[in-house]
Amino acid sequence: MEGGMPYYAVMLDMTDKHCLIVGAGAVSERKTQQLLNCGAKITVVSPTTTERFEHWLESRQITIRRKRYSADDLQAGMIVFACTNDKAVNSQICADAKQKGLWVNAADQFEQGDFIVPAQVLRGKLHMAVSTAGASPALTKRVAAEIQERYGIEYEAYTHLLHEFRETVLLQVTDAKRRQKLLKKAAEDHRLLDWIRADRREEARKLCFSFLQD
């Protein structure tokens, strides 16, 4: 981030996007898993790898280039992650990627990259991200933990129900104002979440879809 300008928060569709990860340590493992969860196509560049990377390779989830980084490796990705344990190498990766117009993330030197990866809390379709723009990773971690505690696993079923209801409303209701009213009512009726927490999911679903009769 240059000039102290704030980051622009965005959710990316990574399906079939080619990503290059340089390095094969613990940080690389976490990023690889996150990207695989999003459907990305991943090439890893590293002379050595971990057992987990070998498993991904054997199951054909990733490609591995067993070598040290060179600028030619950038042809394998449109988004680049510099995750080696050598700051000089990471700096070179960032410089090379920027020269080629590629987006790059530096695990240990965020200011040299184009973007940072926030802490994330997932509850089904509810995706919450936290960042302090590199100011305090410890605070980011603490806030993410608080969010994780506040929004429990019941939100997975809750967001699934709201999504299902929204799809039905969009299909059956043509009036825009009525659509908005129905979706707002479903999101604000606390009984839905309370009943899901009480393992009364079918009752919650019936209540939600009964709004269509209003």
Protein backbone atom coordinates (compact mmCIF):
# COMPACT_ATOMS: atom_id res chain seq x y z
CA MET A 1 0.00 0.00 0.00
CA GLU A 2 1.61 3.22 -1.16
CA GLY A 3 1.05 6.70 0.23
CA GLY A 4 -0.97 5.45 3.18
CA MET A 5 -4.11 5.06 1.09
CA PRO A 6 -6.71 2.62 2.44
CA TYR A 7 -7.20 -0.79 0.89
CA TYR A 8 -10.22 -1.53 -1.28
CA ALA A 9 -12.08 -4.50 0.17
CA VAL A 10 -13.31 -6.98 -2.43
CA MET A 11 -14.51 -10.60 -2.69
CA LEU A 12 -12.91 -12.42 -5.62
CA ASP A 13 -14.25 -15.37 -7.58
CA MET A 14 -11.12 -17.53 -7.80
CA THR A 15 -12.70 -20.40 -9.70
CA ASP A 16 -10.17 -21.64 -12.30
CA LYS A 17 -7.93 -18.62 -11.70
CA HIS A 18 -4.24 -19.46 -12.05
CA CYS A 19 -2.24 -18.70 -8.90
CA LEU A 20 1.49 -18.99 -8.36
CA ILE A 21 2.74 -19.72 -4.85
CA VAL A 22 6.49 -19.46 -4.31
CA GLY A 23 7.58 -21.35 -1.24
CA ALA A 24 6.25 -24.47 0.44
CA GLY A 25 6.22 -23.84 4.17
CA ALA A 26 3.42 -23.42 6.70
CA VAL A 27 2.27 -20.07 5.31
CA SER A 28 2.16 -21.50 1.79
CA GLU A 29 0.13 -24.45 3.04
CA ARG A 30 -2.52 -22.16 4.54
CA LYS A 31 -2.79 -20.06 1.41
CA THR A 32 -2.92 -23.14 -0.80
CA GLN A 33 -5.74 -24.66 1.23
CA GLN A 34 -7.73 -21.44 1.14
CA LEU A 35 -7.27 -21.10 -2.61
CA LEU A 36 -8.19 -24.74 -3.24
CA ASN A 37 -11.37 -24.19 -1.25
CA CYS A 38 -12.18 -21.40 -3.72
CA GLY A 39 -11.52 -23.52 -6.82
CA ALA A 40 -8.28 -21.89 -7.92
CA LYS A 41 -5.67 -23.57 -10.10
CA ILE A 42 -2.37 -23.55 -8.24
CA THR A 43 1.28 -23.90 -9.21
CA VAL A 44 3.80 -24.15 -6.38
CA VAL A 45 7.48 -23.34 -6.91
CA SER A 46 9.90 -24.75 -4.35
CA PRO A 47 12.93 -27.08 -4.31
CA THR A 48 11.38 -28.98 -1.39
CA THR A 49 7.82 -29.44 -0.20
CA THR A 50 5.89 -30.83 2.74
CA GLU A 51 3.84 -34.01 3.02
CA ARG A 52 0.69 -31.98 2.60
CA PHE A 53 1.85 -30.54 -0.71
CA GLU A 54 2.76 -34.02 -1.90
CA HIS A 55 -0.76 -35.17 -1.05
CA TRP A 56 -2.25 -32.33 -3.09
CA LEU A 57 0.05 -33.19 -5.96
CA GLU A 58 -0.84 -36.90 -5.87
CA SER A 59 -4.55 -36.04 -5.90
CA ARG A 60 -3.91 -33.69 -8.84
CA GLN A 61 -5.11 -30.62 -7.02
CA ILE A 62 -1.92 -28.63 -7.63
CA THR A 63 1.17 -28.51 -9.84
CA ILE A 64 4.65 -28.39 -8.33
CA ARG A 65 7.83 -27.06 -9.91
CA ARG A 66 10.72 -28.45 -7.88
CA LYS A 67 13.13 -25.60 -8.36
CA ARG A 68 14.22 -22.23 -7.06
CA TYR A 69 12.24 -19.21 -8.17
CA SER A 70 12.99 -17.43 -11.44
CA ALA A 71 11.03 -14.69 -13.21
CA ASP A 72 9.95 -17.20 -15.86
CA ASP A 73 7.80 -18.90 -13.22
CA LEU A 74 5.43 -15.92 -13.28
CA GLN A 75 3.94 -17.19 -16.51
CA ALA A 76 2.08 -19.77 -14.40
CA GLY A 77 -0.10 -17.31 -12.52
CA MET A 78 -2.25 -14.21 -12.76
CA ILE A 79 -2.03 -13.77 -8.98
CA VAL A 80 1.26 -14.37 -7.17
CA PHE A 81 2.03 -15.20 -3.54
CA ALA A 82 5.60 -14.69 -2.32
CA CYS A 83 5.92 -17.05 0.64
CA THR A 84 9.56 -18.07 0.86
CA ASN A 85 11.62 -17.75 4.06
CA ASP A 86 14.02 -15.39 2.28
CA LYS A 87 13.02 -11.72 2.35
CA ALA A 88 15.32 -10.86 -0.53
CA VAL A 89 13.69 -13.52 -2.73
CA ASN A 90 10.22 -12.32 -1.74
CA SER A 91 11.19 -8.76 -2.63
CA GLN A 92 12.44 -9.92 -6.02
CA ILE A 93 9.22 -11.82 -6.66
CA CYS A 94 7.21 -8.68 -5.88
CA ALA A 95 9.34 -6.53 -8.18
CA ASP A 96 9.15 -9.06 -11.02
CA ALA A 97 5.40 -9.52 -10.66
CA LYS A 98 4.71 -5.80 -10.66
CA GLN A 99 6.89 -5.35 -13.73
CA LYS A 100 4.69 -7.88 -15.52
CA GLY A 101 1.47 -6.28 -14.27
CA LEU A 102 0.58 -9.20 -11.98
CA TRP A 103 -1.07 -8.87 -8.58
CA VAL A 104 1.29 -10.02 -5.84
CA ASN A 105 1.04 -10.70 -2.11
CA ALA A 106 4.11 -10.80 0.11
CA ALA A 107 3.60 -12.88 3.23
CA ASP A 108 6.26 -11.17 5.35
CA GLN A 109 6.45 -7.72 3.74
CA PHE A 110 2.88 -6.70 3.02
CA GLU A 111 3.85 -3.17 1.98
CA GLN A 112 5.74 -4.54 -1.03
CA GLY A 113 2.71 -6.31 -2.42
CA ASP A 114 -0.52 -5.17 -4.06
CA PHE A 115 -2.93 -6.77 -1.61
CA ILE A 116 -3.14 -8.48 1.75
CA VAL A 117 -5.19 -11.49 2.79
CA PRO A 118 -7.40 -10.76 5.80
CA ALA A 119 -8.25 -13.08 8.65
CA GLN A 120 -11.41 -14.92 7.70
CA VAL A 121 -14.37 -16.45 9.49
CA LEU A 122 -16.65 -18.65 7.39
CA ARG A 123 -20.16 -19.70 8.29
CA GLY A 124 -21.59 -21.21 5.13
CA LYS A 125 -22.34 -18.32 2.82
CA LEU A 126 -21.58 -15.81 5.56
CA HIS A 127 -17.99 -14.76 4.92
CA MET A 128 -16.47 -12.30 7.38
CA ALA A 129 -13.02 -10.79 6.93
CA VAL A 130 -10.90 -8.74 9.31
CA SER A 131 -7.80 -6.67 8.64
CA THR A 132 -5.82 -3.89 10.27
CA ALA A 133 -4.01 -3.22 6.96
CA GLY A 134 -0.85 -4.70 8.46
CA ALA A 135 -0.86 -2.37 11.47
CA SER A 136 -1.43 -5.09 14.05
CA PRO A 137 -1.77 -8.75 13.02
CA ALA A 138 -2.29 -9.58 16.70
CA LEU A 139 -5.35 -7.33 16.87
CA THR A 140 -6.64 -8.79 13.61
CA LYS A 141 -6.39 -12.26 15.11
CA ARG A 142 -8.14 -11.17 18.32
CA VAL A 143 -11.04 -9.51 16.52
CA ALA A 144 -11.44 -12.51 14.21
CA ALA A 145 -11.63 -14.77 17.27
CA GLU A 146 -14.31 -12.54 18.77
CA ILE A 147 -16.32 -12.69 15.55
CA GLN A 148 -15.93 -16.46 15.42
CA GLU A 149 -17.35 -16.72 18.93
CA ARG A 150 -20.17 -14.26 18.24
CA TYR A 151 -21.31 -15.91 15.00
CA GLY A 152 -21.52 -19.62 15.70
CA ILE A 153 -21.99 -22.57 13.39
CA GLU A 154 -25.77 -22.03 13.42
CA TYR A 155 -25.21 -19.17 10.98
CA GLU A 156 -24.34 -21.71 8.29
CA ALA A 157 -27.87 -23.12 8.32
CA TYR A 158 -29.30 -19.61 8.82
CA THR A 159 -27.61 -18.13 5.76
CA HIS A 160 -28.54 -21.22 3.75
CA LEU A 161 -32.21 -20.67 4.64
CA LEU A 162 -32.07 -16.97 3.76
CA HIS A 163 -30.40 -17.81 0.46
CA GLU A 164 -33.02 -20.42 -0.36
CA PHE A 165 -35.78 -17.95 0.48
CA ARG A 166 -34.17 -15.20 -1.61
CA GLU A 167 -33.96 -17.48 -4.64
CA THR A 168 -37.65 -18.30 -4.28
CA VAL A 169 -38.61 -14.65 -3.88
CA LEU A 170 -36.64 -13.64 -6.96
CA LEU A 171 -38.38 -16.38 -8.93
CA GLN A 172 -41.93 -15.84 -7.74
CA VAL A 173 -42.24 -12.16 -6.83
CA THR A 174 -42.08 -9.65 -9.67
CA ASP A 175 -42.73 -6.44 -7.73
CA ALA A 176 -39.39 -4.95 -6.65
CA LYS A 177 -40.74 -3.22 -3.54
CA ARG A 178 -42.45 -6.38 -2.31
CA ARG A 179 -39.27 -8.36 -2.93
CA GLN A 180 -37.30 -5.93 -0.81
CA LYS A 181 -39.92 -6.03 1.94
CA LEU A 182 -39.96 -9.82 2.07
CA LEU A 183 -36.18 -10.20 2.12
CA LYS A 184 -35.86 -7.55 4.83
CA LYS A 185 -38.52 -9.27 6.93
CA ALA A 186 -36.75 -12.62 6.68
CA ALA A 187 -33.41 -11.11 7.66
CA GLU A 188 -34.87 -9.24 10.63
CA ASP A 189 -37.16 -11.90 12.13
CA HIS A 190 -35.11 -13.17 15.07
CA ARG A 191 -37.27 -16.27 15.43
CA LEU A 192 -35.58 -17.88 12.43
CA LEU A 193 -32.14 -17.85 14.01
CA ASP A 194 -33.49 -18.69 17.47
CA TRP A 195 -35.31 -21.74 16.14
CA ILE A 196 -32.29 -22.91 14.18
CA ARG A 197 -30.23 -22.65 17.36
CA ALA A 198 -32.91 -24.75 19.10
CA ASP A 199 -32.64 -27.40 16.36
CA ARG A 200 -36.10 -26.50 15.04
CA ARG A 201 -34.89 -26.00 11.48
CA GLU A 202 -37.97 -27.27 9.68
CA GLU A 203 -40.17 -24.97 11.73
CA ALA A 204 -37.86 -22.07 10.92
CA ARG A 205 -38.09 -22.91 7.24
CA LYS A 206 -41.88 -23.06 7.31
CA LEU A 207 -42.05 -19.72 9.11
CA CYS A 208 -39.69 -18.10 6.63
CA PHE A 209 -41.61 -19.27 3.57
CA SER A 210 -44.91 -18.32 5.18
CA PHE A 211 -43.85 -14.70 4.63
CA LEU A 212 -44.71 -15.21 0.97
CA GLN A 213 -48.37 -15.25 1.99
CA ASP A 214 -48.18 -11.75 3.47
